[in-house]
Amino acid sequence: MIQIARETPTRTDVLLLLDEHLADMLATSPAESVHAMDHSALSAPEVSFWTAREDGVLLGCGALKQLTPTEGEIKSMRTAPAARGRGIAAALLGEIVNAARHRRYERLYLETGSQDFFAPARRLYDRHGFTECVPFADYVLDPHSTFMRLDLAGG
């Protein structure tokens, strides 16, 4: 059974998954277009971090960063390669969206890559109601980025 729970991003297996995530981002996009957070940034008070595990084995992770009292940003969504195709990302995304609703957020945002490598992520977000939008928060228009938004009716 897959368990999704809040967790610290500093556990050894999580650090390895986050390092893999950052390495993929740097291999796919120019450094100035990589917006992945490292474990120390994911440990900040305004960030909530979740993992998906099965029998203690890490399957994936994701985070929710508070931007304003009514807006959040999804960060560091990653599924372990061996767990891909099992719905792990969708389950994590569902947990994060539910947390945003519980916090009465009105909007959720995310930034992902525009390259083909990121097409599965864009399809996932599209299936869950996210639509493309203009850059938000401190982001600027970047041909290597796709910005997306989900309106949470009534928070």
N, C-alpha and C. Protein backbone atom coordinates (compact mmCIF):
# COMPACT_ATOMS: atom_id res chain seq x y z
N MET A 1 0.84 -1.18 0.00
CA MET A 1 0.00 0.00 0.00
C MET A 1 0.89 1.25 0.00
N ILE A 2 0.54 2.19 -0.84
CA ILE A 2 1.31 3.43 -0.94
C ILE A 2 0.84 4.40 0.14
N GLN A 3 1.79 4.94 0.87
CA GLN A 3 1.50 5.92 1.92
C GLN A 3 2.12 7.25 1.54
N ILE A 4 1.29 8.30 1.59
CA ILE A 4 1.77 9.65 1.35
C ILE A 4 1.71 10.39 2.67
N ALA A 5 2.83 10.99 3.06
CA ALA A 5 2.89 11.66 4.36
C ALA A 5 3.86 12.83 4.30
N ARG A 6 3.64 13.78 5.20
CA ARG A 6 4.60 14.88 5.38
C ARG A 6 5.88 14.27 5.93
N GLU A 7 6.98 14.81 5.45
CA GLU A 7 8.27 14.27 5.84
C GLU A 7 9.33 15.34 5.68
N THR A 8 10.47 15.12 6.27
CA THR A 8 11.59 16.04 6.11
C THR A 8 12.32 15.73 4.80
N PRO A 9 12.76 16.76 4.10
CA PRO A 9 13.51 16.51 2.86
C PRO A 9 14.99 16.18 3.10
N THR A 10 15.36 15.88 4.34
CA THR A 10 16.76 15.65 4.65
C THR A 10 17.10 14.17 4.90
N ARG A 11 16.13 13.28 4.75
CA ARG A 11 16.44 11.85 4.87
C ARG A 11 17.34 11.45 3.70
N THR A 12 18.19 10.49 3.93
CA THR A 12 19.19 10.10 2.94
C THR A 12 18.57 9.73 1.59
N ASP A 13 17.52 8.91 1.60
CA ASP A 13 16.94 8.50 0.32
C ASP A 13 16.26 9.67 -0.39
N VAL A 14 15.70 10.60 0.38
CA VAL A 14 15.08 11.79 -0.21
C VAL A 14 16.16 12.68 -0.82
N LEU A 15 17.27 12.84 -0.12
CA LEU A 15 18.38 13.65 -0.65
C LEU A 15 18.86 13.10 -1.98
N LEU A 16 18.96 11.78 -2.08
CA LEU A 16 19.40 11.17 -3.34
C LEU A 16 18.40 11.43 -4.46
N LEU A 17 17.10 11.33 -4.17
CA LEU A 17 16.08 11.60 -5.18
C LEU A 17 16.10 13.07 -5.60
N LEU A 18 16.27 13.97 -4.64
CA LEU A 18 16.34 15.40 -4.96
C LEU A 18 17.60 15.73 -5.77
N ASP A 19 18.71 15.08 -5.45
CA ASP A 19 19.95 15.28 -6.23
C ASP A 19 19.75 14.81 -7.66
N GLU A 20 19.08 13.67 -7.83
CA GLU A 20 18.79 13.15 -9.17
C GLU A 20 17.89 14.13 -9.93
N HIS A 21 16.91 14.69 -9.23
CA HIS A 21 15.99 15.66 -9.82
C HIS A 21 16.77 16.88 -10.32
N LEU A 22 17.62 17.42 -9.48
CA LEU A 22 18.40 18.60 -9.85
C LEU A 22 19.35 18.29 -11.00
N ALA A 23 19.96 17.13 -10.99
CA ALA A 23 20.86 16.74 -12.08
C ALA A 23 20.11 16.66 -13.40
N ASP A 24 18.90 16.09 -13.39
CA ASP A 24 18.10 16.04 -14.62
C ASP A 24 17.72 17.44 -15.10
N MET A 25 17.37 18.31 -14.17
CA MET A 25 17.00 19.68 -14.55
C MET A 25 18.19 20.38 -15.19
N LEU A 26 19.37 20.24 -14.61
CA LEU A 26 20.57 20.89 -15.15
C LEU A 26 21.01 20.27 -16.47
N ALA A 27 20.70 19.00 -16.69
CA ALA A 27 21.06 18.35 -17.95
C ALA A 27 20.08 18.71 -19.07
N THR A 28 18.90 19.20 -18.69
CA THR A 28 17.84 19.46 -19.66
C THR A 28 17.67 20.94 -19.98
N SER A 29 17.96 21.80 -19.03
CA SER A 29 17.72 23.24 -19.17
C SER A 29 18.97 24.02 -18.84
N PRO A 30 19.11 25.22 -19.40
CA PRO A 30 20.23 26.08 -18.99
C PRO A 30 20.13 26.40 -17.49
N ALA A 31 21.24 26.56 -16.85
CA ALA A 31 21.28 26.77 -15.40
C ALA A 31 20.36 27.90 -14.95
N GLU A 32 20.31 29.00 -15.73
CA GLU A 32 19.47 30.14 -15.34
C GLU A 32 17.97 29.83 -15.45
N SER A 33 17.63 28.71 -16.08
CA SER A 33 16.23 28.33 -16.23
C SER A 33 15.84 27.18 -15.30
N VAL A 34 16.74 26.78 -14.42
CA VAL A 34 16.46 25.71 -13.45
C VAL A 34 15.98 26.33 -12.15
N HIS A 35 14.78 25.96 -11.74
CA HIS A 35 14.18 26.54 -10.55
C HIS A 35 13.92 25.50 -9.46
N ALA A 36 14.57 24.35 -9.56
CA ALA A 36 14.41 23.29 -8.56
C ALA A 36 15.01 23.76 -7.23
N MET A 37 14.36 23.37 -6.15
CA MET A 37 14.82 23.72 -4.81
C MET A 37 15.65 22.57 -4.24
N ASP A 38 16.72 22.91 -3.54
CA ASP A 38 17.49 21.88 -2.87
C ASP A 38 16.86 21.58 -1.50
N HIS A 39 17.42 20.59 -0.80
CA HIS A 39 16.80 20.16 0.46
C HIS A 39 16.75 21.27 1.51
N SER A 40 17.73 22.16 1.52
CA SER A 40 17.70 23.23 2.52
C SER A 40 16.56 24.20 2.23
N ALA A 41 16.35 24.54 0.96
CA ALA A 41 15.23 25.42 0.59
C ALA A 41 13.89 24.73 0.87
N LEU A 42 13.84 23.42 0.65
CA LEU A 42 12.60 22.67 0.91
C LEU A 42 12.33 22.51 2.40
N SER A 43 13.31 22.84 3.24
CA SER A 43 13.12 22.78 4.69
C SER A 43 12.64 24.10 5.28
N ALA A 44 12.46 25.12 4.44
CA ALA A 44 12.04 26.44 4.92
C ALA A 44 10.63 26.36 5.51
N PRO A 45 10.31 27.27 6.44
CA PRO A 45 9.00 27.23 7.11
C PRO A 45 7.81 27.39 6.16
N GLU A 46 7.99 28.08 5.04
CA GLU A 46 6.88 28.29 4.12
C GLU A 46 6.68 27.13 3.15
N VAL A 47 7.45 26.06 3.31
CA VAL A 47 7.36 24.91 2.42
C VAL A 47 6.91 23.67 3.20
N SER A 48 5.93 22.97 2.65
CA SER A 48 5.51 21.67 3.17
C SER A 48 5.96 20.62 2.18
N PHE A 49 6.48 19.52 2.69
CA PHE A 49 7.09 18.49 1.84
C PHE A 49 6.46 17.14 2.13
N TRP A 50 6.13 16.41 1.06
CA TRP A 50 5.52 15.09 1.18
C TRP A 50 6.35 14.05 0.44
N THR A 51 6.26 12.83 0.92
CA THR A 51 6.83 11.69 0.19
C THR A 51 5.75 10.64 -0.02
N ALA A 52 5.96 9.81 -1.02
CA ALA A 52 5.15 8.62 -1.24
C ALA A 52 6.08 7.43 -1.01
N ARG A 53 5.64 6.50 -0.18
CA ARG A 53 6.44 5.32 0.14
C ARG A 53 5.57 4.07 0.08
N GLU A 54 6.22 2.98 -0.20
CA GLU A 54 5.57 1.68 -0.15
C GLU A 54 6.52 0.74 0.60
N ASP A 55 6.05 0.21 1.72
CA ASP A 55 6.90 -0.64 2.58
C ASP A 55 8.21 0.06 2.91
N GLY A 56 8.15 1.37 3.12
CA GLY A 56 9.32 2.15 3.49
C GLY A 56 10.18 2.60 2.33
N VAL A 57 9.91 2.10 1.14
CA VAL A 57 10.71 2.47 -0.04
C VAL A 57 10.18 3.76 -0.64
N LEU A 58 11.07 4.73 -0.85
CA LEU A 58 10.69 6.01 -1.41
C LEU A 58 10.31 5.87 -2.87
N LEU A 59 9.10 6.33 -3.21
CA LEU A 59 8.60 6.27 -4.58
C LEU A 59 8.58 7.64 -5.25
N GLY A 60 8.44 8.70 -4.46
CA GLY A 60 8.37 10.04 -5.03
C GLY A 60 8.23 11.09 -3.96
N CYS A 61 8.24 12.34 -4.40
CA CYS A 61 8.10 13.46 -3.47
C CYS A 61 7.48 14.65 -4.18
N GLY A 62 7.06 15.61 -3.39
CA GLY A 62 6.51 16.86 -3.90
C GLY A 62 6.37 17.84 -2.75
N ALA A 63 6.27 19.11 -3.09
CA ALA A 63 6.22 20.15 -2.06
C ALA A 63 5.23 21.24 -2.43
N LEU A 64 4.81 21.97 -1.42
CA LEU A 64 3.92 23.12 -1.57
C LEU A 64 4.56 24.29 -0.85
N LYS A 65 4.84 25.34 -1.62
CA LYS A 65 5.44 26.56 -1.07
C LYS A 65 4.37 27.64 -1.02
N GLN A 66 4.23 28.26 0.14
CA GLN A 66 3.28 29.38 0.26
C GLN A 66 3.89 30.61 -0.37
N LEU A 67 3.16 31.20 -1.33
CA LEU A 67 3.60 32.44 -1.97
C LEU A 67 2.99 33.64 -1.29
N THR A 68 1.69 33.57 -1.02
CA THR A 68 0.93 34.61 -0.33
C THR A 68 -0.06 33.87 0.57
N PRO A 69 -0.83 34.58 1.38
CA PRO A 69 -1.82 33.86 2.20
C PRO A 69 -2.88 33.11 1.39
N THR A 70 -3.02 33.42 0.10
CA THR A 70 -4.04 32.75 -0.71
C THR A 70 -3.49 32.04 -1.94
N GLU A 71 -2.16 31.95 -2.04
CA GLU A 71 -1.56 31.33 -3.22
C GLU A 71 -0.38 30.45 -2.84
N GLY A 72 -0.24 29.35 -3.57
CA GLY A 72 0.86 28.44 -3.34
C GLY A 72 1.49 28.01 -4.65
N GLU A 73 2.67 27.43 -4.54
CA GLU A 73 3.39 26.93 -5.70
C GLU A 73 3.80 25.49 -5.44
N ILE A 74 3.58 24.64 -6.43
CA ILE A 74 4.02 23.25 -6.36
C ILE A 74 5.49 23.21 -6.75
N LYS A 75 6.27 22.50 -5.94
CA LYS A 75 7.71 22.42 -6.15
C LYS A 75 8.17 20.96 -6.03
N SER A 76 9.28 20.66 -6.67
CA SER A 76 10.02 19.41 -6.50
C SER A 76 9.19 18.15 -6.65
N MET A 77 8.30 18.14 -7.63
CA MET A 77 7.56 16.91 -7.93
C MET A 77 8.54 15.95 -8.62
N ARG A 78 8.68 14.77 -8.07
CA ARG A 78 9.62 13.79 -8.64
C ARG A 78 9.15 12.39 -8.29
N THR A 79 9.16 11.52 -9.28
CA THR A 79 8.88 10.10 -9.06
C THR A 79 10.17 9.33 -9.32
N ALA A 80 10.48 8.40 -8.44
CA ALA A 80 11.66 7.56 -8.63
C ALA A 80 11.50 6.78 -9.94
N PRO A 81 12.57 6.63 -10.71
CA PRO A 81 12.47 5.96 -12.00
C PRO A 81 11.79 4.59 -11.93
N ALA A 82 12.08 3.80 -10.92
CA ALA A 82 11.49 2.46 -10.81
C ALA A 82 10.00 2.49 -10.50
N ALA A 83 9.48 3.64 -10.08
CA ALA A 83 8.06 3.74 -9.70
C ALA A 83 7.22 4.47 -10.75
N ARG A 84 7.81 4.86 -11.85
CA ARG A 84 7.07 5.62 -12.86
C ARG A 84 5.98 4.76 -13.51
N GLY A 85 4.88 5.41 -13.87
CA GLY A 85 3.78 4.73 -14.50
C GLY A 85 2.81 4.08 -13.52
N ARG A 86 2.99 4.34 -12.23
CA ARG A 86 2.13 3.74 -11.20
C ARG A 86 1.17 4.75 -10.58
N GLY A 87 1.14 5.98 -11.07
CA GLY A 87 0.24 6.98 -10.52
C GLY A 87 0.76 7.69 -9.28
N ILE A 88 2.04 7.57 -9.02
CA ILE A 88 2.64 8.19 -7.83
C ILE A 88 2.54 9.71 -7.91
N ALA A 89 2.89 10.29 -9.05
CA ALA A 89 2.84 11.74 -9.19
C ALA A 89 1.40 12.24 -9.03
N ALA A 90 0.45 11.54 -9.60
CA ALA A 90 -0.95 11.95 -9.48
C ALA A 90 -1.40 11.89 -8.02
N ALA A 91 -0.97 10.87 -7.30
CA ALA A 91 -1.35 10.76 -5.88
C ALA A 91 -0.72 11.88 -5.06
N LEU A 92 0.54 12.18 -5.31
CA LEU A 92 1.20 13.28 -4.61
C LEU A 92 0.54 14.61 -4.95
N LEU A 93 0.25 14.81 -6.23
CA LEU A 93 -0.41 16.05 -6.65
C LEU A 93 -1.76 16.19 -5.97
N GLY A 94 -2.52 15.12 -5.90
CA GLY A 94 -3.81 15.16 -5.22
C GLY A 94 -3.67 15.56 -3.76
N GLU A 95 -2.67 15.03 -3.09
CA GLU A 95 -2.43 15.37 -1.67
C GLU A 95 -2.08 16.85 -1.53
N ILE A 96 -1.26 17.35 -2.43
CA ILE A 96 -0.84 18.76 -2.38
C ILE A 96 -2.03 19.68 -2.67
N VAL A 97 -2.82 19.35 -3.67
CA VAL A 97 -4.00 20.16 -3.98
C VAL A 97 -4.97 20.15 -2.81
N ASN A 98 -5.17 19.00 -2.18
CA ASN A 98 -6.04 18.93 -1.01
C ASN A 98 -5.52 19.80 0.13
N ALA A 99 -4.21 19.80 0.33
CA ALA A 99 -3.62 20.65 1.37
C ALA A 99 -3.85 22.12 1.05
N ALA A 100 -3.71 22.49 -0.22
CA ALA A 100 -3.95 23.88 -0.63
C ALA A 100 -5.41 24.27 -0.39
N ARG A 101 -6.32 23.37 -0.70
CA ARG A 101 -7.74 23.65 -0.44
C ARG A 101 -8.00 23.80 1.05
N HIS A 102 -7.41 22.93 1.84
CA HIS A 102 -7.56 23.00 3.30
C HIS A 102 -7.04 24.33 3.85
N ARG A 103 -6.00 24.85 3.23
CA ARG A 103 -5.45 26.15 3.65
C ARG A 103 -6.23 27.32 3.06
N ARG A 104 -7.25 27.01 2.30
CA ARG A 104 -8.10 28.01 1.65
C ARG A 104 -7.35 28.86 0.62
N TYR A 105 -6.39 28.23 -0.04
CA TYR A 105 -5.72 28.91 -1.14
C TYR A 105 -6.73 29.11 -2.27
N GLU A 106 -6.59 30.19 -2.97
CA GLU A 106 -7.43 30.46 -4.13
C GLU A 106 -6.79 29.99 -5.43
N ARG A 107 -5.44 29.93 -5.43
CA ARG A 107 -4.72 29.54 -6.64
C ARG A 107 -3.47 28.74 -6.29
N LEU A 108 -3.18 27.82 -7.18
CA LEU A 108 -1.92 27.08 -7.13
C LEU A 108 -1.19 27.33 -8.44
N TYR A 109 0.11 27.51 -8.36
CA TYR A 109 0.94 27.74 -9.52
C TYR A 109 2.04 26.68 -9.59
N LEU A 110 2.66 26.59 -10.74
CA LEU A 110 3.86 25.78 -10.89
C LEU A 110 4.62 26.24 -12.11
N GLU A 111 5.90 25.92 -12.09
CA GLU A 111 6.76 26.15 -13.26
C GLU A 111 7.37 24.80 -13.60
N THR A 112 7.33 24.45 -14.86
CA THR A 112 7.98 23.24 -15.34
C THR A 112 8.65 23.57 -16.67
N GLY A 113 9.42 22.64 -17.17
CA GLY A 113 10.13 22.89 -18.40
C GLY A 113 9.24 22.85 -19.63
N SER A 114 9.70 23.51 -20.68
CA SER A 114 8.95 23.53 -21.94
C SER A 114 9.46 22.47 -22.92
N GLN A 115 10.57 21.83 -22.61
CA GLN A 115 11.16 20.84 -23.51
C GLN A 115 10.34 19.54 -23.49
N ASP A 116 10.60 18.68 -24.49
CA ASP A 116 9.90 17.40 -24.59
C ASP A 116 10.08 16.54 -23.33
N PHE A 117 11.23 16.64 -22.68
CA PHE A 117 11.50 15.88 -21.45
C PHE A 117 10.40 16.09 -20.41
N PHE A 118 9.82 17.29 -20.40
CA PHE A 118 8.81 17.65 -19.40
C PHE A 118 7.37 17.42 -19.86
N ALA A 119 7.19 16.87 -21.06
CA ALA A 119 5.84 16.65 -21.59
C ALA A 119 4.98 15.78 -20.67
N PRO A 120 5.50 14.71 -20.07
CA PRO A 120 4.67 13.93 -19.15
C PRO A 120 4.18 14.76 -17.95
N ALA A 121 5.04 15.62 -17.44
CA ALA A 121 4.63 16.48 -16.32
C ALA A 121 3.54 17.45 -16.75
N ARG A 122 3.70 18.06 -17.91
CA ARG A 122 2.68 19.00 -18.40
C ARG A 122 1.34 18.30 -18.61
N ARG A 123 1.39 17.05 -19.13
CA ARG A 123 0.15 16.28 -19.31
C ARG A 123 -0.50 15.98 -17.97
N LEU A 124 0.29 15.62 -16.97
CA LEU A 124 -0.23 15.35 -15.63
C LEU A 124 -0.97 16.57 -15.10
N TYR A 125 -0.33 17.72 -15.16
CA TYR A 125 -0.94 18.94 -14.62
C TYR A 125 -2.18 19.33 -15.42
N ASP A 126 -2.12 19.17 -16.72
CA ASP A 126 -3.27 19.47 -17.57
C ASP A 126 -4.46 18.57 -17.19
N ARG A 127 -4.21 17.29 -16.98
CA ARG A 127 -5.28 16.35 -16.58
C ARG A 127 -5.91 16.73 -15.25
N HIS A 128 -5.16 17.42 -14.42
CA HIS A 128 -5.67 17.81 -13.10
C HIS A 128 -6.16 19.26 -13.06
N GLY A 129 -6.41 19.85 -14.24
CA GLY A 129 -7.06 21.14 -14.31
C GLY A 129 -6.16 22.36 -14.39
N PHE A 130 -4.86 22.17 -14.39
CA PHE A 130 -3.94 23.30 -14.53
C PHE A 130 -3.97 23.80 -15.97
N THR A 131 -3.84 25.11 -16.13
CA THR A 131 -3.78 25.73 -17.45
C THR A 131 -2.54 26.62 -17.51
N GLU A 132 -2.04 26.82 -18.72
CA GLU A 132 -0.87 27.69 -18.87
C GLU A 132 -1.23 29.12 -18.49
N CYS A 133 -0.26 29.82 -17.94
CA CYS A 133 -0.46 31.20 -17.51
C CYS A 133 0.83 31.99 -17.70
N VAL A 134 0.77 33.25 -17.37
CA VAL A 134 1.95 34.11 -17.43
C VAL A 134 2.84 33.81 -16.22
N PRO A 135 4.10 34.25 -16.27
CA PRO A 135 4.96 34.05 -15.10
C PRO A 135 4.35 34.67 -13.84
N PHE A 136 4.60 34.05 -12.72
CA PHE A 136 4.05 34.47 -11.43
C PHE A 136 5.20 34.69 -10.45
N ALA A 137 4.89 35.24 -9.31
CA ALA A 137 5.88 35.49 -8.25
C ALA A 137 7.09 36.21 -8.86
N ASP A 138 8.29 35.67 -8.68
CA ASP A 138 9.51 36.32 -9.18
C ASP A 138 9.98 35.77 -10.51
N TYR A 139 9.20 34.90 -11.12
CA TYR A 139 9.60 34.32 -12.41
C TYR A 139 9.48 35.37 -13.51
N VAL A 140 10.26 35.16 -14.56
CA VAL A 140 10.19 36.01 -15.76
C VAL A 140 9.96 35.10 -16.96
N LEU A 141 9.45 35.69 -18.02
CA LEU A 141 9.22 34.94 -19.24
C LEU A 141 10.52 34.27 -19.67
N ASP A 142 10.44 32.97 -19.98
CA ASP A 142 11.62 32.18 -20.31
C ASP A 142 11.19 31.10 -21.30
N PRO A 143 11.85 31.01 -22.45
CA PRO A 143 11.44 30.00 -23.42
C PRO A 143 11.62 28.56 -22.93
N HIS A 144 12.37 28.37 -21.85
CA HIS A 144 12.60 27.04 -21.30
C HIS A 144 11.60 26.69 -20.20
N SER A 145 10.69 27.60 -19.90
CA SER A 145 9.72 27.39 -18.82
C SER A 145 8.29 27.41 -19.34
N THR A 146 7.46 26.60 -18.71
CA THR A 146 6.02 26.64 -18.89
C THR A 146 5.44 26.95 -17.51
N PHE A 147 4.60 27.95 -17.44
CA PHE A 147 3.97 28.35 -16.19
C PHE A 147 2.53 27.90 -16.22
N MET A 148 2.06 27.35 -15.09
CA MET A 148 0.70 26.82 -15.05
C MET A 148 0.03 27.25 -13.76
N ARG A 149 -1.31 27.24 -13.82
CA ARG A 149 -2.12 27.72 -12.69
C ARG A 149 -3.36 26.87 -12.56
N LEU A 150 -3.78 26.67 -11.32
CA LEU A 150 -5.03 25.99 -11.01
C LEU A 150 -5.83 26.90 -10.10
N ASP A 151 -7.03 27.28 -10.55
CA ASP A 151 -7.93 28.06 -9.69
C ASP A 151 -8.68 27.11 -8.79
N LEU A 152 -8.63 27.37 -7.50
CA LEU A 152 -9.29 26.53 -6.51
C LEU A 152 -10.57 27.25 -6.09
N ALA A 153 -11.66 26.96 -6.74
CA ALA A 153 -12.93 27.65 -6.52
C ALA A 153 -13.26 27.73 -5.04
N GLY A 154 -13.24 28.94 -4.52
CA GLY A 154 -13.61 29.17 -3.14
C GLY A 154 -12.58 28.75 -2.11
N GLY A 155 -11.39 28.31 -2.58
CA GLY A 155 -10.32 27.98 -1.65
C GLY A 155 -10.40 26.66 -1.05
